[in-house]
Amino acid sequence: MQNESDGYTKPQEFRSFLFLTAVMAPVLTVIIVAGYGFAVWFYQLFAGPPGS
């Protein structure tokens, strides 16, 4: 017989889903885009702007 503590309940799963989709996905997207922008900026700091 399974115990209730063995798995997650539907409300817990729904809260986890909302947290991942409404909080973590946008935060990770911003971090990735900002990191890429910083890397390009840092590269151009040494290599110069494009076309020069």
PDB file of N, CA and C in Angstrom:
ATOM      1  N   MET A   1       0.824  -1.181   0.000  1.00  0.00           N
ATOM      2  CA  MET A   1       0.000   0.000   0.000  1.00  0.00           C
ATOM      3  C   MET A   1       0.874   1.252   0.000  1.00  0.00           C
ATOM      4  N   GLN A   2       0.486   2.246  -0.789  1.00  0.00           N
ATOM      5  CA  GLN A   2       1.263   3.473  -0.849  1.00  0.00           C
ATOM      6  C   GLN A   2       0.813   4.447   0.233  1.00  0.00           C
ATOM      7  N   ASN A   3       1.802   5.120   0.755  1.00  0.00           N
ATOM      8  CA  ASN A   3       1.538   6.150   1.750  1.00  0.00           C
ATOM      9  C   ASN A   3       1.379   7.486   1.026  1.00  0.00           C
ATOM     10  N   GLU A   4       0.609   8.404   1.591  1.00  0.00           N
ATOM     11  CA  GLU A   4       0.397   9.718   0.971  1.00  0.00           C
ATOM     12  C   GLU A   4       1.692  10.503   0.864  1.00  0.00           C
ATOM     13  N   SER A   5       2.648  10.276   1.771  1.00  0.00           N
ATOM     14  CA  SER A   5       3.901  11.026   1.754  1.00  0.00           C
ATOM     15  C   SER A   5       4.866  10.511   0.684  1.00  0.00           C
ATOM     16  N   ASP A   6       4.526   9.408   0.010  1.00  0.00           N
ATOM     17  CA  ASP A   6       5.408   8.860  -1.022  1.00  0.00           C
ATOM     18  C   ASP A   6       5.431   9.725  -2.279  1.00  0.00           C
ATOM     19  N   GLY A   7       4.356  10.417  -2.568  1.00  0.00           N
ATOM     20  CA  GLY A   7       4.287  11.202  -3.791  1.00  0.00           C
ATOM     21  C   GLY A   7       3.809  12.610  -3.505  1.00  0.00           C
ATOM     22  N   TYR A   8       3.635  13.345  -4.583  1.00  0.00           N
ATOM     23  CA  TYR A   8       3.160  14.719  -4.461  1.00  0.00           C
ATOM     24  C   TYR A   8       1.654  14.752  -4.709  1.00  0.00           C
ATOM     25  N   THR A   9       1.003  15.660  -4.037  1.00  0.00           N
ATOM     26  CA  THR A   9      -0.427  15.820  -4.269  1.00  0.00           C
ATOM     27  C   THR A   9      -0.635  16.736  -5.467  1.00  0.00           C
ATOM     28  N   LYS A  10      -1.841  16.736  -5.998  1.00  0.00           N
ATOM     29  CA  LYS A  10      -2.132  17.569  -7.166  1.00  0.00           C
ATOM     30  C   LYS A  10      -1.907  19.058  -6.879  1.00  0.00           C
ATOM     31  N   PRO A  11      -2.319  19.593  -5.737  1.00  0.00           N
ATOM     32  CA  PRO A  11      -2.024  21.016  -5.483  1.00  0.00           C
ATOM     33  C   PRO A  11      -0.524  21.315  -5.418  1.00  0.00           C
ATOM     34  N   GLN A  12       0.258  20.392  -4.866  1.00  0.00           N
ATOM     35  CA  GLN A  12       1.708  20.589  -4.820  1.00  0.00           C
ATOM     36  C   GLN A  12       2.293  20.581  -6.228  1.00  0.00           C
ATOM     37  N   GLU A  13       1.835  19.674  -7.055  1.00  0.00           N
ATOM     38  CA  GLU A  13       2.314  19.617  -8.430  1.00  0.00           C
ATOM     39  C   GLU A  13       1.921  20.871  -9.194  1.00  0.00           C
ATOM     40  N   PHE A  14       0.705  21.363  -8.982  1.00  0.00           N
ATOM     41  CA  PHE A  14       0.248  22.571  -9.672  1.00  0.00           C
ATOM     42  C   PHE A  14       1.054  23.786  -9.232  1.00  0.00           C
ATOM     43  N   ARG A  15       1.337  23.905  -7.933  1.00  0.00           N
ATOM     44  CA  ARG A  15       2.162  25.014  -7.440  1.00  0.00           C
ATOM     45  C   ARG A  15       3.569  24.938  -8.011  1.00  0.00           C
ATOM     46  N   SER A  16       4.120  23.744  -8.090  1.00  0.00           N
ATOM     47  CA  SER A  16       5.448  23.573  -8.676  1.00  0.00           C
ATOM     48  C   SER A  16       5.443  23.970 -10.149  1.00  0.00           C
ATOM     49  N   PHE A  17       4.414  23.565 -10.873  1.00  0.00           N
ATOM     50  CA  PHE A  17       4.298  23.919 -12.286  1.00  0.00           C
ATOM     51  C   PHE A  17       4.201  25.430 -12.459  1.00  0.00           C
ATOM     52  N   LEU A  18       3.359  26.083 -11.656  1.00  0.00           N
ATOM     53  CA  LEU A  18       3.221  27.537 -11.753  1.00  0.00           C
ATOM     54  C   LEU A  18       4.530  28.235 -11.417  1.00  0.00           C
ATOM     55  N   PHE A  19       5.225  27.752 -10.400  1.00  0.00           N
ATOM     56  CA  PHE A  19       6.508  28.348 -10.028  1.00  0.00           C
ATOM     57  C   PHE A  19       7.518  28.219 -11.163  1.00  0.00           C
ATOM     58  N   LEU A  20       7.590  27.047 -11.771  1.00  0.00           N
ATOM     59  CA  LEU A  20       8.551  26.832 -12.856  1.00  0.00           C
ATOM     60  C   LEU A  20       8.215  27.665 -14.088  1.00  0.00           C
ATOM     61  N   THR A  21       6.935  27.759 -14.428  1.00  0.00           N
ATOM     62  CA  THR A  21       6.568  28.465 -15.650  1.00  0.00           C
ATOM     63  C   THR A  21       6.461  29.972 -15.457  1.00  0.00           C
ATOM     64  N   ALA A  22       6.014  30.427 -14.299  1.00  0.00           N
ATOM     65  CA  ALA A  22       5.777  31.863 -14.100  1.00  0.00           C
ATOM     66  C   ALA A  22       6.965  32.571 -13.469  1.00  0.00           C
ATOM     67  N   VAL A  23       7.845  31.838 -12.808  1.00  0.00           N
ATOM     68  CA  VAL A  23       8.972  32.475 -12.122  1.00  0.00           C
ATOM     69  C   VAL A  23      10.302  32.042 -12.728  1.00  0.00           C
ATOM     70  N   MET A  24      10.563  30.765 -12.721  1.00  0.00           N
ATOM     71  CA  MET A  24      11.895  30.293 -13.107  1.00  0.00           C
ATOM     72  C   MET A  24      12.180  30.462 -14.600  1.00  0.00           C
ATOM     73  N   ALA A  25      11.228  30.194 -15.469  1.00  0.00           N
ATOM     74  CA  ALA A  25      11.480  30.336 -16.908  1.00  0.00           C
ATOM     75  C   ALA A  25      11.820  31.783 -17.277  1.00  0.00           C
ATOM     76  N   PRO A  26      11.040  32.779 -16.832  1.00  0.00           N
ATOM     77  CA  PRO A  26      11.423  34.156 -17.155  1.00  0.00           C
ATOM     78  C   PRO A  26      12.749  34.575 -16.528  1.00  0.00           C
ATOM     79  N   VAL A  27      12.993  34.164 -15.297  1.00  0.00           N
ATOM     80  CA  VAL A  27      14.249  34.531 -14.629  1.00  0.00           C
ATOM     81  C   VAL A  27      15.435  33.934 -15.380  1.00  0.00           C
ATOM     82  N   LEU A  28      15.348  32.666 -15.738  1.00  0.00           N
ATOM     83  CA  LEU A  28      16.440  32.033 -16.479  1.00  0.00           C
ATOM     84  C   LEU A  28      16.623  32.673 -17.849  1.00  0.00           C
ATOM     85  N   THR A  29      15.537  33.058 -18.499  1.00  0.00           N
ATOM     86  CA  THR A  29      15.635  33.715 -19.799  1.00  0.00           C
ATOM     87  C   THR A  29      16.368  35.040 -19.677  1.00  0.00           C
ATOM     88  N   VAL A  30      16.016  35.830 -18.678  1.00  0.00           N
ATOM     89  CA  VAL A  30      16.685  37.120 -18.469  1.00  0.00           C
ATOM     90  C   VAL A  30      18.163  36.914 -18.163  1.00  0.00           C
ATOM     91  N   ILE A  31      18.480  35.934 -17.330  1.00  0.00           N
ATOM     92  CA  ILE A  31      19.878  35.673 -16.976  1.00  0.00           C
ATOM     93  C   ILE A  31      20.679  35.248 -18.213  1.00  0.00           C
ATOM     94  N   ILE A  32      20.103  34.395 -19.045  1.00  0.00           N
ATOM     95  CA  ILE A  32      20.810  33.922 -20.239  1.00  0.00           C
ATOM     96  C   ILE A  32      21.029  35.068 -21.226  1.00  0.00           C
ATOM     97  N   VAL A  33      19.994  35.868 -21.470  1.00  0.00           N
ATOM     98  CA  VAL A  33      20.123  36.980 -22.418  1.00  0.00           C
ATOM     99  C   VAL A  33      21.104  38.020 -21.886  1.00  0.00           C
ATOM    100  N   ALA A  34      21.016  38.332 -20.596  1.00  0.00           N
ATOM    101  CA  ALA A  34      21.942  39.307 -20.010  1.00  0.00           C
ATOM    102  C   ALA A  34      23.373  38.775 -20.031  1.00  0.00           C
ATOM    103  N   GLY A  35      23.547  37.502 -19.768  1.00  0.00           N
ATOM    104  CA  GLY A  35      24.882  36.904 -19.823  1.00  0.00           C
ATOM    105  C   GLY A  35      25.472  36.949 -21.215  1.00  0.00           C
ATOM    106  N   TYR A  36      24.650  36.683 -22.218  1.00  0.00           N
ATOM    107  CA  TYR A  36      25.133  36.759 -23.601  1.00  0.00           C
ATOM    108  C   TYR A  36      25.499  38.198 -23.957  1.00  0.00           C
ATOM    109  N   GLY A  37      24.661  39.139 -23.574  1.00  0.00           N
ATOM    110  CA  GLY A  37      24.954  40.540 -23.836  1.00  0.00           C
ATOM    111  C   GLY A  37      26.235  40.987 -23.152  1.00  0.00           C
ATOM    112  N   PHE A  38      26.438  40.543 -21.925  1.00  0.00           N
ATOM    113  CA  PHE A  38      27.666  40.879 -21.211  1.00  0.00           C
ATOM    114  C   PHE A  38      28.877  40.273 -21.907  1.00  0.00           C
ATOM    115  N   ALA A  39      28.744  39.031 -22.381  1.00  0.00           N
ATOM    116  CA  ALA A  39      29.864  38.382 -23.068  1.00  0.00           C
ATOM    117  C   ALA A  39      30.217  39.117 -24.351  1.00  0.00           C
ATOM    118  N   VAL A  40      29.212  39.544 -25.111  1.00  0.00           N
ATOM    119  CA  VAL A  40      29.471  40.293 -26.340  1.00  0.00           C
ATOM    120  C   VAL A  40      30.117  41.632 -26.005  1.00  0.00           C
ATOM    121  N   TRP A  41      29.592  42.316 -25.001  1.00  0.00           N
ATOM    122  CA  TRP A  41      30.160  43.605 -24.594  1.00  0.00           C
ATOM    123  C   TRP A  41      31.622  43.440 -24.152  1.00  0.00           C
ATOM    124  N   PHE A  42      31.887  42.411 -23.370  1.00  0.00           N
ATOM    125  CA  PHE A  42      33.242  42.176 -22.868  1.00  0.00           C
ATOM    126  C   PHE A  42      34.190  41.829 -24.021  1.00  0.00           C
ATOM    127  N   TYR A  43      33.719  41.031 -24.979  1.00  0.00           N
ATOM    128  CA  TYR A  43      34.534  40.706 -26.154  1.00  0.00           C
ATOM    129  C   TYR A  43      34.857  41.968 -26.950  1.00  0.00           C
ATOM    130  N   GLN A  44      33.856  42.807 -27.152  1.00  0.00           N
ATOM    131  CA  GLN A  44      34.067  44.028 -27.931  1.00  0.00           C
ATOM    132  C   GLN A  44      34.949  45.029 -27.186  1.00  0.00           C
ATOM    133  N   LEU A  45      35.008  44.916 -25.881  1.00  0.00           N
ATOM    134  CA  LEU A  45      35.896  45.784 -25.100  1.00  0.00           C
ATOM    135  C   LEU A  45      37.345  45.570 -25.519  1.00  0.00           C
ATOM    136  N   PHE A  46      37.709  44.329 -25.845  1.00  0.00           N
ATOM    137  CA  PHE A  46      39.076  43.997 -26.248  1.00  0.00           C
ATOM    138  C   PHE A  46      39.259  43.968 -27.759  1.00  0.00           C
ATOM    139  N   ALA A  47      38.274  43.471 -28.494  1.00  0.00           N
ATOM    140  CA  ALA A  47      38.413  43.293 -29.931  1.00  0.00           C
ATOM    141  C   ALA A  47      37.984  44.519 -30.723  1.00  0.00           C
ATOM    142  N   GLY A  48      37.317  45.443 -30.108  1.00  0.00           N
ATOM    143  CA  GLY A  48      36.824  46.617 -30.813  1.00  0.00           C
ATOM    144  C   GLY A  48      35.444  46.363 -31.381  1.00  0.00           C
ATOM    145  N   PRO A  49      34.784  47.436 -31.795  1.00  0.00           N
ATOM    146  CA  PRO A  49      33.433  47.283 -32.356  1.00  0.00           C
ATOM    147  C   PRO A  49      33.473  46.574 -33.703  1.00  0.00           C
ATOM    148  N   PRO A  50      32.350  46.043 -34.128  1.00  0.00           N
ATOM    149  CA  PRO A  50      32.316  45.353 -35.418  1.00  0.00           C
ATOM    150  C   PRO A  50      32.650  46.307 -36.558  1.00  0.00           C
ATOM    151  N   GLY A  51      33.417  45.824 -37.503  1.00  0.00           N
ATOM    152  CA  GLY A  51      33.747  46.608 -38.677  1.00  0.00           C
ATOM    153  C   GLY A  51      34.971  47.486 -38.516  1.00  0.00           C
ATOM    154  N   SER A  52      35.633  47.400 -37.381  1.00  0.00           N
ATOM    155  CA  SER A  52      36.824  48.253 -37.226  1.00  0.00           C
ATOM    156  C   SER A  52      38.097  47.441 -37.239  1.00  0.00           C
TER     157      SER A  52
END
